[in-house]
Amino acid sequence: MAGIRAPGALLDFVKIHREVEGVIQHVGRETWDLLLIDVDGDWVRDEFSSKERAEAACRDLGVRWHDRWDDPRMTRRMSRGDPWSDPGGRRRAL
């Protein structure tokens, strides 16, 4: 799909994180999730109206994507860290 631009939050994530890859999964009747996961297990997600639009966003971002959780490496990557409980990790808003 030509002309599909990835949302700014996804672009920002790709710019500041290392070795980002995507996972596209069907989550509703007409809803597809794109999860971007970096090598450390940090992630961000966005919703798309079709699988083709999610794939086009990945192409726009220049990241490799996976169809659902077909690669066990991505499952391990996703569960690698818990940035909320790591002493040097992300802090929750108060």
C-alpha atoms as a PDB file:
ATOM      1  CA  MET A   1       0.000   0.000   0.000  1.00  0.00           C
ATOM      2  CA  ALA A   2       1.618   3.157  -1.140  1.00  0.00           C
ATOM      3  CA  GLY A   3       1.284   6.299   0.905  1.00  0.00           C
ATOM      4  CA  ILE A   4       0.880   4.664   4.324  1.00  0.00           C
ATOM      5  CA  ARG A   5       2.895   6.548   6.925  1.00  0.00           C
ATOM      6  CA  ALA A   6       3.680   5.047  10.296  1.00  0.00           C
ATOM      7  CA  PRO A   7       2.323   6.940  13.324  1.00  0.00           C
ATOM      8  CA  GLY A   8       4.818   9.318  14.933  1.00  0.00           C
ATOM      9  CA  ALA A   9       5.055   7.350  18.196  1.00  0.00           C
ATOM     10  CA  LEU A  10       6.221   4.274  16.279  1.00  0.00           C
ATOM     11  CA  LEU A  11       8.735   6.317  14.313  1.00  0.00           C
ATOM     12  CA  ASP A  12      10.105   7.819  17.521  1.00  0.00           C
ATOM     13  CA  PHE A  13      10.442   4.350  19.051  1.00  0.00           C
ATOM     14  CA  VAL A  14      12.410   3.063  16.058  1.00  0.00           C
ATOM     15  CA  LYS A  15      14.701   6.098  16.146  1.00  0.00           C
ATOM     16  CA  ILE A  16      15.794   5.626  19.764  1.00  0.00           C
ATOM     17  CA  HIS A  17      15.717   1.834  20.249  1.00  0.00           C
ATOM     18  CA  ARG A  18      18.091  -0.837  18.992  1.00  0.00           C
ATOM     19  CA  GLU A  19      17.242  -3.753  16.718  1.00  0.00           C
ATOM     20  CA  VAL A  20      13.498  -3.153  16.527  1.00  0.00           C
ATOM     21  CA  GLU A  21      11.251  -5.784  14.918  1.00  0.00           C
ATOM     22  CA  GLY A  22       7.484  -5.926  14.617  1.00  0.00           C
ATOM     23  CA  VAL A  23       4.792  -8.479  15.388  1.00  0.00           C
ATOM     24  CA  ILE A  24       1.451  -8.131  13.603  1.00  0.00           C
ATOM     25  CA  GLN A  25      -1.532  -9.877  15.168  1.00  0.00           C
ATOM     26  CA  HIS A  26      -5.271  -9.898  14.509  1.00  0.00           C
ATOM     27  CA  VAL A  27      -7.073  -8.672  17.633  1.00  0.00           C
ATOM     28  CA  GLY A  28     -10.590  -7.834  16.520  1.00  0.00           C
ATOM     29  CA  ARG A  29     -12.990  -8.162  13.644  1.00  0.00           C
ATOM     30  CA  GLU A  30     -11.357  -5.276  11.780  1.00  0.00           C
ATOM     31  CA  THR A  31      -8.416  -4.491  14.048  1.00  0.00           C
ATOM     32  CA  TRP A  32      -4.762  -5.466  13.767  1.00  0.00           C
ATOM     33  CA  ASP A  33      -2.057  -4.727  16.338  1.00  0.00           C
ATOM     34  CA  LEU A  34       1.485  -3.861  15.430  1.00  0.00           C
ATOM     35  CA  LEU A  35       3.877  -4.345  18.329  1.00  0.00           C
ATOM     36  CA  LEU A  36       7.388  -3.006  17.907  1.00  0.00           C
ATOM     37  CA  ILE A  37       9.849  -4.737  20.214  1.00  0.00           C
ATOM     38  CA  ASP A  38      13.484  -3.821  20.699  1.00  0.00           C
ATOM     39  CA  VAL A  39      16.349  -6.150  21.590  1.00  0.00           C
ATOM     40  CA  ASP A  40      15.992  -5.339  25.310  1.00  0.00           C
ATOM     41  CA  GLY A  41      12.291  -6.226  25.450  1.00  0.00           C
ATOM     42  CA  ASP A  42      10.937  -2.675  25.490  1.00  0.00           C
ATOM     43  CA  TRP A  43       7.895  -2.314  23.260  1.00  0.00           C
ATOM     44  CA  VAL A  44       5.210  -0.034  21.884  1.00  0.00           C
ATOM     45  CA  ARG A  45       2.006  -0.816  19.985  1.00  0.00           C
ATOM     46  CA  ASP A  46      -0.516   0.740  17.662  1.00  0.00           C
ATOM     47  CA  GLU A  47      -3.722  -0.399  15.955  1.00  0.00           C
ATOM     48  CA  PHE A  48      -4.442  -0.603  12.243  1.00  0.00           C
ATOM     49  CA  SER A  49      -7.590  -1.292  10.238  1.00  0.00           C
ATOM     50  CA  SER A  50      -5.949  -4.062   8.185  1.00  0.00           C
ATOM     51  CA  LYS A  51      -2.948  -6.346   8.135  1.00  0.00           C
ATOM     52  CA  GLU A  52      -1.820  -4.685   4.907  1.00  0.00           C
ATOM     53  CA  ARG A  53      -1.751  -1.262   6.588  1.00  0.00           C
ATOM     54  CA  ALA A  54       0.305  -2.627   9.490  1.00  0.00           C
ATOM     55  CA  GLU A  55       2.750  -4.204   7.027  1.00  0.00           C
ATOM     56  CA  ALA A  56       2.961  -0.935   5.100  1.00  0.00           C
ATOM     57  CA  ALA A  57       3.774   0.895   8.354  1.00  0.00           C
ATOM     58  CA  CYS A  58       6.618  -1.586   8.960  1.00  0.00           C
ATOM     59  CA  ARG A  59       7.941  -0.946   5.458  1.00  0.00           C
ATOM     60  CA  ASP A  60       7.749   2.811   6.102  1.00  0.00           C
ATOM     61  CA  LEU A  61       9.697   2.334   9.353  1.00  0.00           C
ATOM     62  CA  GLY A  62      12.211   0.013   7.725  1.00  0.00           C
ATOM     63  CA  VAL A  63      11.669  -2.775  10.281  1.00  0.00           C
ATOM     64  CA  ARG A  64      11.283  -6.507   9.801  1.00  0.00           C
ATOM     65  CA  TRP A  65       7.897  -7.881  10.859  1.00  0.00           C
ATOM     66  CA  HIS A  66       6.493 -11.245  11.849  1.00  0.00           C
ATOM     67  CA  ASP A  67       3.061 -12.718  11.259  1.00  0.00           C
ATOM     68  CA  ARG A  68       1.688 -13.247  14.765  1.00  0.00           C
ATOM     69  CA  TRP A  69       4.103 -14.892  17.178  1.00  0.00           C
ATOM     70  CA  ASP A  70       5.516 -17.277  14.558  1.00  0.00           C
ATOM     71  CA  ASP A  71       9.108 -16.679  15.682  1.00  0.00           C
ATOM     72  CA  PRO A  72       9.816 -17.942  19.242  1.00  0.00           C
ATOM     73  CA  ARG A  73      12.688 -15.465  19.426  1.00  0.00           C
ATOM     74  CA  MET A  74      10.158 -12.620  19.521  1.00  0.00           C
ATOM     75  CA  THR A  75       8.305 -14.206  22.451  1.00  0.00           C
ATOM     76  CA  ARG A  76      11.567 -14.456  24.382  1.00  0.00           C
ATOM     77  CA  ARG A  77      12.428 -10.881  23.455  1.00  0.00           C
ATOM     78  CA  MET A  78       9.032  -9.599  24.623  1.00  0.00           C
ATOM     79  CA  SER A  79       9.352 -11.292  28.014  1.00  0.00           C
ATOM     80  CA  ARG A  80      13.038 -10.484  28.482  1.00  0.00           C
ATOM     81  CA  GLY A  81      12.764  -7.532  30.780  1.00  0.00           C
ATOM     82  CA  ASP A  82      10.373  -5.757  33.056  1.00  0.00           C
ATOM     83  CA  PRO A  83      11.315  -2.068  32.805  1.00  0.00           C
ATOM     84  CA  TRP A  84       8.817  -1.215  35.556  1.00  0.00           C
ATOM     85  CA  SER A  85      10.603  -3.273  38.225  1.00  0.00           C
ATOM     86  CA  ASP A  86      14.209  -2.732  37.143  1.00  0.00           C
ATOM     87  CA  PRO A  87      15.900  -0.261  39.550  1.00  0.00           C
ATOM     88  CA  GLY A  88      17.189   1.758  36.579  1.00  0.00           C
ATOM     89  CA  GLY A  89      14.048   1.216  34.508  1.00  0.00           C
ATOM     90  CA  ARG A  90      11.046   3.271  33.565  1.00  0.00           C
ATOM     91  CA  ARG A  91       9.004   4.859  36.355  1.00  0.00           C
ATOM     92  CA  ARG A  92       5.239   4.856  36.579  1.00  0.00           C
ATOM     93  CA  ALA A  93       3.447   8.177  36.662  1.00  0.00           C
ATOM     94  CA  LEU A  94       2.309   9.166  40.132  1.00  0.00           C
END
